[in-house]
């Protein structure tokens, strides 16, 4: 029972990372219909810059503000310089653009910030919270709470606010939205800016637990992308369940079987389910069922 509970608590922390990156990807998609595979770089930029500035003597609060601000600015520049003039391209080509920007960002991080792993103190350094026979750090509780609150906030934003409806409308039909007086470019900037803010804040919560290196972005982007894809790229609430479900599956496989099998087994099952779901209306040989 203790092992099961500890695996669950650890998985909730890992799942929070999937959720935070996943809802950032969903946010960009809801605002632009672009699958942003560079979302994880906002986490890396914020974490690396905060860690570097703290290491050279800047107070943690000031370093954190600079790191998060850099993540927001970086996300806005990505939308403005890499995507805005190419939104008429095929979406599959834009995915390659986003992937190319992510790889370029990782190279820049390595060049300017180095290959060292950076870290900085946690916001909450008290004793771990004991639940039954398991334990979770206070920083971990804060990370889980942030992922849940952010998800709930985005669900409310898209369902209940005029701005959220306008953002979705601009992505679905930018021409009609512009004719109605909505500033389409500003809506896209808002979606990418919010995604950058979420990614930047997530670094302040996660880096004290794990550290961050220049190549961390694409790894967590992959996990977040799977959670976002399971949520059909449009439902922040479903990202919460998908991300937590993936992490819990990985956690129990690692605890009761072998940690080396966590990712292959879980992602293999997800791929199998996805293939079966997409091919449910197709007969053998490719013919579509009536």
C-alpha atoms as a PDB file:
ATOM      1  CA  UNK A   1       0.000   0.000   0.000  1.00  0.00           C
ATOM      2  CA  UNK A   2       2.847   2.370   0.829  1.00  0.00           C
ATOM      3  CA  UNK A   3       4.520   1.718  -2.523  1.00  0.00           C
ATOM      4  CA  UNK A   4       1.248   2.255  -4.392  1.00  0.00           C
ATOM      5  CA  UNK A   5       0.547   5.533  -2.609  1.00  0.00           C
ATOM      6  CA  UNK A   6       4.081   6.825  -3.074  1.00  0.00           C
ATOM      7  CA  UNK A   7       3.959   5.949  -6.771  1.00  0.00           C
ATOM      8  CA  UNK A   8       0.679   7.849  -7.043  1.00  0.00           C
ATOM      9  CA  UNK A   9       2.023  10.974  -5.320  1.00  0.00           C
ATOM     10  CA  UNK A  10       5.189  10.979  -7.423  1.00  0.00           C
ATOM     11  CA  UNK A  11       3.108  10.478 -10.561  1.00  0.00           C
ATOM     12  CA  UNK A  12       0.934  13.486  -9.721  1.00  0.00           C
ATOM     13  CA  UNK A  13       4.033  15.671  -9.680  1.00  0.00           C
ATOM     14  CA  UNK A  14       5.243  14.278 -13.013  1.00  0.00           C
ATOM     15  CA  UNK A  15       1.751  14.530 -14.454  1.00  0.00           C
ATOM     16  CA  UNK A  16       1.568  18.189 -13.522  1.00  0.00           C
ATOM     17  CA  UNK A  17       4.474  18.848 -15.885  1.00  0.00           C
ATOM     18  CA  UNK A  18       2.660  17.057 -18.719  1.00  0.00           C
ATOM     19  CA  UNK A  19      -0.468  19.064 -17.966  1.00  0.00           C
ATOM     20  CA  UNK A  20       1.262  22.452 -17.841  1.00  0.00           C
ATOM     21  CA  UNK A  21       3.072  21.952 -21.139  1.00  0.00           C
ATOM     22  CA  UNK A  22      -0.004  20.355 -22.692  1.00  0.00           C
ATOM     23  CA  UNK A  23      -2.315  23.233 -21.848  1.00  0.00           C
ATOM     24  CA  UNK A  24       0.278  25.641 -23.273  1.00  0.00           C
ATOM     25  CA  UNK A  25       0.166  23.707 -26.546  1.00  0.00           C
ATOM     26  CA  UNK A  26      -3.646  23.706 -26.455  1.00  0.00           C
ATOM     27  CA  UNK A  27      -3.674  27.435 -25.746  1.00  0.00           C
ATOM     28  CA  UNK A  28      -1.541  28.148 -28.810  1.00  0.00           C
ATOM     29  CA  UNK A  29      -3.675  25.839 -30.932  1.00  0.00           C
ATOM     30  CA  UNK A  30      -6.925  27.412 -29.742  1.00  0.00           C
ATOM     31  CA  UNK A  31      -5.559  30.808 -30.721  1.00  0.00           C
ATOM     32  CA  UNK A  32      -3.846  30.018 -34.012  1.00  0.00           C
ATOM     33  CA  UNK A  33      -4.442  26.375 -35.080  1.00  0.00           C
ATOM     34  CA  UNK A  34      -0.648  25.894 -34.854  1.00  0.00           C
ATOM     35  CA  UNK A  35       0.780  22.881 -33.007  1.00  0.00           C
ATOM     36  CA  UNK A  36       3.493  24.596 -31.000  1.00  0.00           C
ATOM     37  CA  UNK A  37       6.259  22.046 -30.533  1.00  0.00           C
ATOM     38  CA  UNK A  38       8.471  24.821 -29.179  1.00  0.00           C
ATOM     39  CA  UNK A  39       6.341  25.265 -26.039  1.00  0.00           C
ATOM     40  CA  UNK A  40       8.838  23.415 -23.865  1.00  0.00           C
ATOM     41  CA  UNK A  41      11.495  25.975 -24.721  1.00  0.00           C
ATOM     42  CA  UNK A  42       9.621  28.583 -22.679  1.00  0.00           C
ATOM     43  CA  UNK A  43      10.196  26.330 -19.672  1.00  0.00           C
ATOM     44  CA  UNK A  44      13.870  25.903 -20.554  1.00  0.00           C
ATOM     45  CA  UNK A  45      14.480  29.601 -21.175  1.00  0.00           C
ATOM     46  CA  UNK A  46      12.871  30.643 -17.919  1.00  0.00           C
ATOM     47  CA  UNK A  47      14.627  27.956 -15.884  1.00  0.00           C
ATOM     48  CA  UNK A  48      18.061  28.413 -17.445  1.00  0.00           C
ATOM     49  CA  UNK A  49      18.022  32.195 -17.247  1.00  0.00           C
ATOM     50  CA  UNK A  50      16.727  32.205 -13.678  1.00  0.00           C
ATOM     51  CA  UNK A  51      19.366  29.667 -12.656  1.00  0.00           C
ATOM     52  CA  UNK A  52      22.168  31.557 -14.412  1.00  0.00           C
ATOM     53  CA  UNK A  53      21.239  34.920 -12.919  1.00  0.00           C
ATOM     54  CA  UNK A  54      20.863  33.409  -9.459  1.00  0.00           C
ATOM     55  CA  UNK A  55      24.261  31.723  -9.797  1.00  0.00           C
ATOM     56  CA  UNK A  56      25.993  35.026 -10.535  1.00  0.00           C
ATOM     57  CA  UNK A  57      24.454  36.676  -7.479  1.00  0.00           C
ATOM     58  CA  UNK A  58      21.115  38.189  -8.509  1.00  0.00           C
ATOM     59  CA  UNK A  59      18.359  37.759  -5.882  1.00  0.00           C
ATOM     60  CA  UNK A  60      16.074  34.849  -6.677  1.00  0.00           C
ATOM     61  CA  UNK A  61      12.961  37.025  -6.906  1.00  0.00           C
ATOM     62  CA  UNK A  62      14.568  39.340  -9.466  1.00  0.00           C
ATOM     63  CA  UNK A  63      16.051  36.431 -11.407  1.00  0.00           C
ATOM     64  CA  UNK A  64      12.637  34.744 -11.493  1.00  0.00           C
ATOM     65  CA  UNK A  65      10.936  37.848 -12.870  1.00  0.00           C
ATOM     66  CA  UNK A  66      13.563  38.137 -15.603  1.00  0.00           C
ATOM     67  CA  UNK A  67      13.262  34.438 -16.464  1.00  0.00           C
ATOM     68  CA  UNK A  68       9.472  34.473 -16.758  1.00  0.00           C
ATOM     69  CA  UNK A  69       9.523  37.743 -18.716  1.00  0.00           C
ATOM     70  CA  UNK A  70      12.067  36.231 -21.132  1.00  0.00           C
ATOM     71  CA  UNK A  71       9.787  33.214 -21.655  1.00  0.00           C
ATOM     72  CA  UNK A  72       6.842  35.480 -22.501  1.00  0.00           C
ATOM     73  CA  UNK A  73       8.906  37.642 -24.858  1.00  0.00           C
ATOM     74  CA  UNK A  74      10.410  34.566 -26.503  1.00  0.00           C
ATOM     75  CA  UNK A  75       6.969  33.093 -27.130  1.00  0.00           C
ATOM     76  CA  UNK A  76       5.706  36.375 -28.586  1.00  0.00           C
ATOM     77  CA  UNK A  77       8.740  36.667 -30.861  1.00  0.00           C
ATOM     78  CA  UNK A  78       8.221  33.100 -32.037  1.00  0.00           C
ATOM     79  CA  UNK A  79       4.656  33.924 -33.072  1.00  0.00           C
ATOM     80  CA  UNK A  80       5.606  37.241 -34.654  1.00  0.00           C
ATOM     81  CA  UNK A  81       8.763  36.273 -36.531  1.00  0.00           C
ATOM     82  CA  UNK A  82       8.410  32.569 -37.305  1.00  0.00           C
ATOM     83  CA  UNK A  83       4.668  31.997 -37.701  1.00  0.00           C
ATOM     84  CA  UNK A  84       2.681  35.104 -38.560  1.00  0.00           C
ATOM     85  CA  UNK A  85       3.904  35.410 -42.151  1.00  0.00           C
ATOM     86  CA  UNK A  86       3.466  31.661 -42.706  1.00  0.00           C
ATOM     87  CA  UNK A  87      -0.037  31.024 -41.377  1.00  0.00           C
ATOM     88  CA  UNK A  88      -1.265  30.300 -44.908  1.00  0.00           C
ATOM     89  CA  UNK A  89       1.098  27.318 -45.076  1.00  0.00           C
ATOM     90  CA  UNK A  90      -0.041  23.749 -44.630  1.00  0.00           C
ATOM     91  CA  UNK A  91      -0.275  23.004 -40.869  1.00  0.00           C
ATOM     92  CA  UNK A  92       2.160  20.118 -41.263  1.00  0.00           C
ATOM     93  CA  UNK A  93       4.795  22.529 -42.537  1.00  0.00           C
ATOM     94  CA  UNK A  94       4.194  24.811 -39.560  1.00  0.00           C
ATOM     95  CA  UNK A  95       4.856  21.881 -37.228  1.00  0.00           C
ATOM     96  CA  UNK A  96       8.285  21.545 -38.853  1.00  0.00           C
ATOM     97  CA  UNK A  97       8.822  25.292 -38.405  1.00  0.00           C
ATOM     98  CA  UNK A  98       8.011  25.010 -34.701  1.00  0.00           C
ATOM     99  CA  UNK A  99      10.299  21.990 -34.344  1.00  0.00           C
ATOM    100  CA  UNK A 100      13.089  23.860 -36.127  1.00  0.00           C
ATOM    101  CA  UNK A 101      12.697  26.818 -33.774  1.00  0.00           C
ATOM    102  CA  UNK A 102      12.872  24.448 -30.781  1.00  0.00           C
ATOM    103  CA  UNK A 103      16.114  22.921 -32.053  1.00  0.00           C
ATOM    104  CA  UNK A 104      17.535  26.371 -32.796  1.00  0.00           C
ATOM    105  CA  UNK A 105      16.601  27.515 -29.284  1.00  0.00           C
ATOM    106  CA  UNK A 106      18.346  24.540 -27.721  1.00  0.00           C
ATOM    107  CA  UNK A 107      21.484  25.318 -29.701  1.00  0.00           C
ATOM    108  CA  UNK A 108      21.343  28.935 -28.557  1.00  0.00           C
ATOM    109  CA  UNK A 109      20.872  27.878 -24.922  1.00  0.00           C
ATOM    110  CA  UNK A 110      23.908  25.604 -25.187  1.00  0.00           C
ATOM    111  CA  UNK A 111      25.983  28.352 -26.796  1.00  0.00           C
ATOM    112  CA  UNK A 112      25.102  31.241 -24.504  1.00  0.00           C
ATOM    113  CA  UNK A 113      24.193  29.536 -21.212  1.00  0.00           C
ATOM    114  CA  UNK A 114      26.326  26.417 -21.388  1.00  0.00           C
ATOM    115  CA  UNK A 115      25.675  22.708 -20.989  1.00  0.00           C
ATOM    116  CA  UNK A 116      25.568  22.788 -17.186  1.00  0.00           C
ATOM    117  CA  UNK A 117      22.468  21.770 -15.264  1.00  0.00           C
ATOM    118  CA  UNK A 118      21.053  24.779 -13.421  1.00  0.00           C
ATOM    119  CA  UNK A 119      19.063  24.834 -10.226  1.00  0.00           C
ATOM    120  CA  UNK A 120      17.813  27.293  -7.625  1.00  0.00           C
ATOM    121  CA  UNK A 121      16.013  27.113  -4.274  1.00  0.00           C
ATOM    122  CA  UNK A 122      12.399  26.027  -4.029  1.00  0.00           C
ATOM    123  CA  UNK A 123       9.670  28.468  -3.091  1.00  0.00           C
ATOM    124  CA  UNK A 124       8.562  26.132  -0.293  1.00  0.00           C
ATOM    125  CA  UNK A 125      11.332  24.392   1.634  1.00  0.00           C
ATOM    126  CA  UNK A 126       9.405  22.965   4.587  1.00  0.00           C
ATOM    127  CA  UNK A 127       9.096  19.285   5.511  1.00  0.00           C
ATOM    128  CA  UNK A 128       7.365  16.940   3.095  1.00  0.00           C
ATOM    129  CA  UNK A 129       3.625  16.476   3.370  1.00  0.00           C
ATOM    130  CA  UNK A 130       2.825  12.970   4.653  1.00  0.00           C
ATOM    131  CA  UNK A 131      -0.270  11.284   3.244  1.00  0.00           C
ATOM    132  CA  UNK A 132      -0.847   7.787   4.548  1.00  0.00           C
ATOM    133  CA  UNK A 133       2.413   5.978   3.871  1.00  0.00           C
ATOM    134  CA  UNK A 134       3.560   8.337   1.132  1.00  0.00           C
ATOM    135  CA  UNK A 135       5.251  11.711   1.060  1.00  0.00           C
ATOM    136  CA  UNK A 136       5.254  14.654  -1.319  1.00  0.00           C
ATOM    137  CA  UNK A 137       7.329  17.805  -1.040  1.00  0.00           C
ATOM    138  CA  UNK A 138       5.643  21.133  -0.451  1.00  0.00           C
ATOM    139  CA  UNK A 139       7.058  22.340  -3.768  1.00  0.00           C
ATOM    140  CA  UNK A 140       5.468  19.301  -5.408  1.00  0.00           C
ATOM    141  CA  UNK A 141       2.114  20.170  -3.869  1.00  0.00           C
ATOM    142  CA  UNK A 142       2.500  23.705  -5.225  1.00  0.00           C
ATOM    143  CA  UNK A 143       3.266  22.347  -8.712  1.00  0.00           C
ATOM    144  CA  UNK A 144       0.203  20.077  -8.678  1.00  0.00           C
ATOM    145  CA  UNK A 145      -1.995  22.922  -7.424  1.00  0.00           C
ATOM    146  CA  UNK A 146      -0.692  25.242 -10.139  1.00  0.00           C
ATOM    147  CA  UNK A 147      -1.497  22.742 -12.875  1.00  0.00           C
ATOM    148  CA  UNK A 148      -5.045  22.197 -11.576  1.00  0.00           C
ATOM    149  CA  UNK A 149      -5.798  25.893 -10.989  1.00  0.00           C
ATOM    150  CA  UNK A 150      -4.376  26.893 -14.380  1.00  0.00           C
ATOM    151  CA  UNK A 151      -6.429  24.224 -16.145  1.00  0.00           C
ATOM    152  CA  UNK A 152      -9.638  25.237 -14.382  1.00  0.00           C
ATOM    153  CA  UNK A 153      -8.905  28.889 -15.141  1.00  0.00           C
ATOM    154  CA  UNK A 154      -8.441  28.212 -18.855  1.00  0.00           C
ATOM    155  CA  UNK A 155     -11.620  26.128 -19.024  1.00  0.00           C
ATOM    156  CA  UNK A 156     -13.512  29.061 -17.499  1.00  0.00           C
ATOM    157  CA  UNK A 157     -11.718  31.535 -19.791  1.00  0.00           C
ATOM    158  CA  UNK A 158     -12.683  29.748 -23.009  1.00  0.00           C
ATOM    159  CA  UNK A 159     -16.235  28.922 -21.917  1.00  0.00           C
ATOM    160  CA  UNK A 160     -17.304  32.070 -20.127  1.00  0.00           C
ATOM    161  CA  UNK A 161     -15.412  35.104 -21.398  1.00  0.00           C
ATOM    162  CA  UNK A 162     -15.873  37.140 -24.542  1.00  0.00           C
ATOM    163  CA  UNK A 163     -12.106  37.258 -25.004  1.00  0.00           C
ATOM    164  CA  UNK A 164     -11.878  33.468 -24.908  1.00  0.00           C
ATOM    165  CA  UNK A 165     -14.639  33.122 -27.497  1.00  0.00           C
ATOM    166  CA  UNK A 166     -12.944  35.734 -29.681  1.00  0.00           C
ATOM    167  CA  UNK A 167      -9.616  33.891 -29.497  1.00  0.00           C
ATOM    168  CA  UNK A 168     -11.229  30.625 -30.587  1.00  0.00           C
ATOM    169  CA  UNK A 169     -13.165  32.338 -33.384  1.00  0.00           C
ATOM    170  CA  UNK A 170     -10.006  33.940 -34.753  1.00  0.00           C
ATOM    171  CA  UNK A 171      -8.322  30.554 -35.050  1.00  0.00           C
ATOM    172  CA  UNK A 172     -11.345  28.865 -36.649  1.00  0.00           C
ATOM    173  CA  UNK A 173     -12.132  31.600 -39.167  1.00  0.00           C
ATOM    174  CA  UNK A 174      -9.751  34.575 -39.118  1.00  0.00           C
ATOM    175  CA  UNK A 175     -11.331  36.281 -42.141  1.00  0.00           C
ATOM    176  CA  UNK A 176     -14.836  36.385 -40.668  1.00  0.00           C
ATOM    177  CA  UNK A 177     -13.457  37.369 -37.257  1.00  0.00           C
ATOM    178  CA  UNK A 178     -11.535  40.273 -38.781  1.00  0.00           C
ATOM    179  CA  UNK A 179     -14.661  41.427 -40.626  1.00  0.00           C
ATOM    180  CA  UNK A 180     -16.444  41.549 -37.262  1.00  0.00           C
ATOM    181  CA  UNK A 181     -13.829  43.891 -35.891  1.00  0.00           C
ATOM    182  CA  UNK A 182     -11.688  41.433 -33.925  1.00  0.00           C
ATOM    183  CA  UNK A 183      -7.943  42.021 -34.040  1.00  0.00           C
ATOM    184  CA  UNK A 184      -6.837  38.551 -35.168  1.00  0.00           C
ATOM    185  CA  UNK A 185      -3.105  39.196 -34.763  1.00  0.00           C
ATOM    186  CA  UNK A 186      -3.634  40.449 -31.232  1.00  0.00           C
ATOM    187  CA  UNK A 187      -5.617  37.331 -30.323  1.00  0.00           C
ATOM    188  CA  UNK A 188      -2.780  35.128 -31.572  1.00  0.00           C
ATOM    189  CA  UNK A 189      -0.277  37.175 -29.602  1.00  0.00           C
ATOM    190  CA  UNK A 190      -2.420  36.819 -26.502  1.00  0.00           C
ATOM    191  CA  UNK A 191      -2.541  33.032 -26.837  1.00  0.00           C
ATOM    192  CA  UNK A 192       1.217  32.713 -27.303  1.00  0.00           C
ATOM    193  CA  UNK A 193       1.921  35.252 -24.570  1.00  0.00           C
ATOM    194  CA  UNK A 194      -0.224  33.342 -22.076  1.00  0.00           C
ATOM    195  CA  UNK A 195       1.413  30.078 -23.120  1.00  0.00           C
ATOM    196  CA  UNK A 196       4.833  31.634 -22.552  1.00  0.00           C
ATOM    197  CA  UNK A 197       3.743  32.892 -19.142  1.00  0.00           C
ATOM    198  CA  UNK A 198       2.519  29.438 -18.103  1.00  0.00           C
ATOM    199  CA  UNK A 199       5.717  27.807 -19.360  1.00  0.00           C
ATOM    200  CA  UNK A 200       7.870  30.374 -17.594  1.00  0.00           C
ATOM    201  CA  UNK A 201       6.111  30.000 -14.243  1.00  0.00           C
ATOM    202  CA  UNK A 202       6.258  26.209 -14.501  1.00  0.00           C
ATOM    203  CA  UNK A 203      10.064  26.434 -14.527  1.00  0.00           C
ATOM    204  CA  UNK A 204      10.038  28.237 -11.178  1.00  0.00           C
ATOM    205  CA  UNK A 205       8.065  25.335  -9.710  1.00  0.00           C
ATOM    206  CA  UNK A 206       9.761  22.370 -11.389  1.00  0.00           C
ATOM    207  CA  UNK A 207      13.444  23.304 -11.701  1.00  0.00           C
ATOM    208  CA  UNK A 208      14.072  23.240  -7.911  1.00  0.00           C
ATOM    209  CA  UNK A 209      12.883  19.605  -7.959  1.00  0.00           C
ATOM    210  CA  UNK A 210      14.713  18.340 -11.054  1.00  0.00           C
ATOM    211  CA  UNK A 211      17.111  20.974 -12.398  1.00  0.00           C
ATOM    212  CA  UNK A 212      17.172  22.099 -16.023  1.00  0.00           C
ATOM    213  CA  UNK A 213      19.627  21.809 -18.903  1.00  0.00           C
ATOM    214  CA  UNK A 214      19.706  23.317 -22.386  1.00  0.00           C
ATOM    215  CA  UNK A 215      18.067  20.245 -23.987  1.00  0.00           C
ATOM    216  CA  UNK A 216      15.168  19.795 -21.554  1.00  0.00           C
ATOM    217  CA  UNK A 217      12.541  21.517 -23.707  1.00  0.00           C
ATOM    218  CA  UNK A 218      11.836  18.912 -26.382  1.00  0.00           C
ATOM    219  CA  UNK A 219      11.622  16.099 -23.852  1.00  0.00           C
ATOM    220  CA  UNK A 220       8.841  17.676 -21.834  1.00  0.00           C
ATOM    221  CA  UNK A 221       7.217  18.984 -25.027  1.00  0.00           C
ATOM    222  CA  UNK A 222       6.784  15.389 -26.201  1.00  0.00           C
ATOM    223  CA  UNK A 223       4.947  14.424 -23.028  1.00  0.00           C
ATOM    224  CA  UNK A 224       2.841  17.575 -23.103  1.00  0.00           C
ATOM    225  CA  UNK A 225       2.039  17.067 -26.769  1.00  0.00           C
ATOM    226  CA  UNK A 226       0.725  13.546 -26.115  1.00  0.00           C
ATOM    227  CA  UNK A 227      -1.546  14.884 -23.370  1.00  0.00           C
ATOM    228  CA  UNK A 228      -2.732  17.689 -25.672  1.00  0.00           C
ATOM    229  CA  UNK A 229      -3.328  15.264 -28.547  1.00  0.00           C
ATOM    230  CA  UNK A 230      -5.432  13.019 -26.305  1.00  0.00           C
ATOM    231  CA  UNK A 231      -7.466  16.138 -25.519  1.00  0.00           C
ATOM    232  CA  UNK A 232      -7.989  16.713 -29.264  1.00  0.00           C
ATOM    233  CA  UNK A 233      -5.758  19.830 -29.022  1.00  0.00           C
ATOM    234  CA  UNK A 234      -8.739  21.926 -27.961  1.00  0.00           C
ATOM    235  CA  UNK A 235      -9.913  20.967 -24.452  1.00  0.00           C
ATOM    236  CA  UNK A 236      -7.765  22.183 -21.521  1.00  0.00           C
ATOM    237  CA  UNK A 237      -9.841  20.172 -19.055  1.00  0.00           C
ATOM    238  CA  UNK A 238      -9.148  16.929 -20.864  1.00  0.00           C
ATOM    239  CA  UNK A 239      -5.416  17.696 -20.822  1.00  0.00           C
ATOM    240  CA  UNK A 240      -5.551  17.475 -17.030  1.00  0.00           C
ATOM    241  CA  UNK A 241      -6.968  13.952 -17.098  1.00  0.00           C
ATOM    242  CA  UNK A 242      -4.765  12.843 -19.990  1.00  0.00           C
ATOM    243  CA  UNK A 243      -1.530  14.174 -18.480  1.00  0.00           C
ATOM    244  CA  UNK A 244      -2.230  12.746 -15.045  1.00  0.00           C
ATOM    245  CA  UNK A 245      -3.320   9.428 -16.550  1.00  0.00           C
ATOM    246  CA  UNK A 246      -0.111   9.107 -18.557  1.00  0.00           C
ATOM    247  CA  UNK A 247       2.046   9.904 -15.547  1.00  0.00           C
ATOM    248  CA  UNK A 248       0.170   7.523 -13.240  1.00  0.00           C
ATOM    249  CA  UNK A 249       0.508   4.733 -15.802  1.00  0.00           C
ATOM    250  CA  UNK A 250       4.241   5.366 -16.053  1.00  0.00           C
ATOM    251  CA  UNK A 251       4.571   5.571 -12.271  1.00  0.00           C
ATOM    252  CA  UNK A 252       2.941   2.220 -11.555  1.00  0.00           C
ATOM    253  CA  UNK A 253       4.799   0.457 -14.339  1.00  0.00           C
ATOM    254  CA  UNK A 254       8.059   1.788 -12.924  1.00  0.00           C
ATOM    255  CA  UNK A 255       7.137   0.878  -9.362  1.00  0.00           C
ATOM    256  CA  UNK A 256       5.824  -2.637  -9.962  1.00  0.00           C
ATOM    257  CA  UNK A 257       7.625  -3.711 -13.122  1.00  0.00           C
ATOM    258  CA  UNK A 258      10.684  -1.863 -14.424  1.00  0.00           C
ATOM    259  CA  UNK A 259      11.410   1.882 -14.722  1.00  0.00           C
ATOM    260  CA  UNK A 260      12.988   1.254 -18.128  1.00  0.00           C
ATOM    261  CA  UNK A 261       9.587   0.196 -19.458  1.00  0.00           C
ATOM    262  CA  UNK A 262       7.643   3.243 -18.270  1.00  0.00           C
ATOM    263  CA  UNK A 263       7.721   5.328 -21.431  1.00  0.00           C
ATOM    264  CA  UNK A 264       7.758   2.521 -24.074  1.00  0.00           C
ATOM    265  CA  UNK A 265       4.788   0.665 -22.579  1.00  0.00           C
ATOM    266  CA  UNK A 266       2.584   3.696 -21.862  1.00  0.00           C
ATOM    267  CA  UNK A 267       3.307   5.481 -25.136  1.00  0.00           C
ATOM    268  CA  UNK A 268       2.999   2.205 -27.033  1.00  0.00           C
ATOM    269  CA  UNK A 269      -0.466   1.651 -25.573  1.00  0.00           C
ATOM    270  CA  UNK A 270      -1.443   5.230 -26.393  1.00  0.00           C
ATOM    271  CA  UNK A 271      -0.245   4.751 -29.983  1.00  0.00           C
ATOM    272  CA  UNK A 272      -2.139   1.456 -30.297  1.00  0.00           C
ATOM    273  CA  UNK A 273      -5.359   2.985 -28.974  1.00  0.00           C
ATOM    274  CA  UNK A 274      -4.942   5.958 -31.308  1.00  0.00           C
ATOM    275  CA  UNK A 275      -4.441   3.743 -34.352  1.00  0.00           C
ATOM    276  CA  UNK A 276      -7.462   1.619 -33.457  1.00  0.00           C
ATOM    277  CA  UNK A 277      -9.574   4.724 -32.890  1.00  0.00           C
ATOM    278  CA  UNK A 278      -8.577   6.352 -36.183  1.00  0.00           C
ATOM    279  CA  UNK A 279      -9.064   3.133 -38.160  1.00  0.00           C
ATOM    280  CA  UNK A 280     -12.408   2.151 -36.618  1.00  0.00           C
ATOM    281  CA  UNK A 281     -14.236   3.082 -39.850  1.00  0.00           C
ATOM    282  CA  UNK A 282     -11.757   1.484 -42.250  1.00  0.00           C
ATOM    283  CA  UNK A 283     -11.910  -2.089 -43.590  1.00  0.00           C
ATOM    284  CA  UNK A 284      -8.858  -4.222 -44.251  1.00  0.00           C
ATOM    285  CA  UNK A 285      -7.091  -2.949 -47.365  1.00  0.00           C
ATOM    286  CA  UNK A 286      -8.026   0.688 -46.807  1.00  0.00           C
ATOM    287  CA  UNK A 287     -11.657   0.719 -47.962  1.00  0.00           C
ATOM    288  CA  UNK A 288     -13.923   2.915 -45.865  1.00  0.00           C
ATOM    289  CA  UNK A 289     -16.883   1.213 -44.200  1.00  0.00           C
ATOM    290  CA  UNK A 290     -20.336   2.301 -45.264  1.00  0.00           C
END
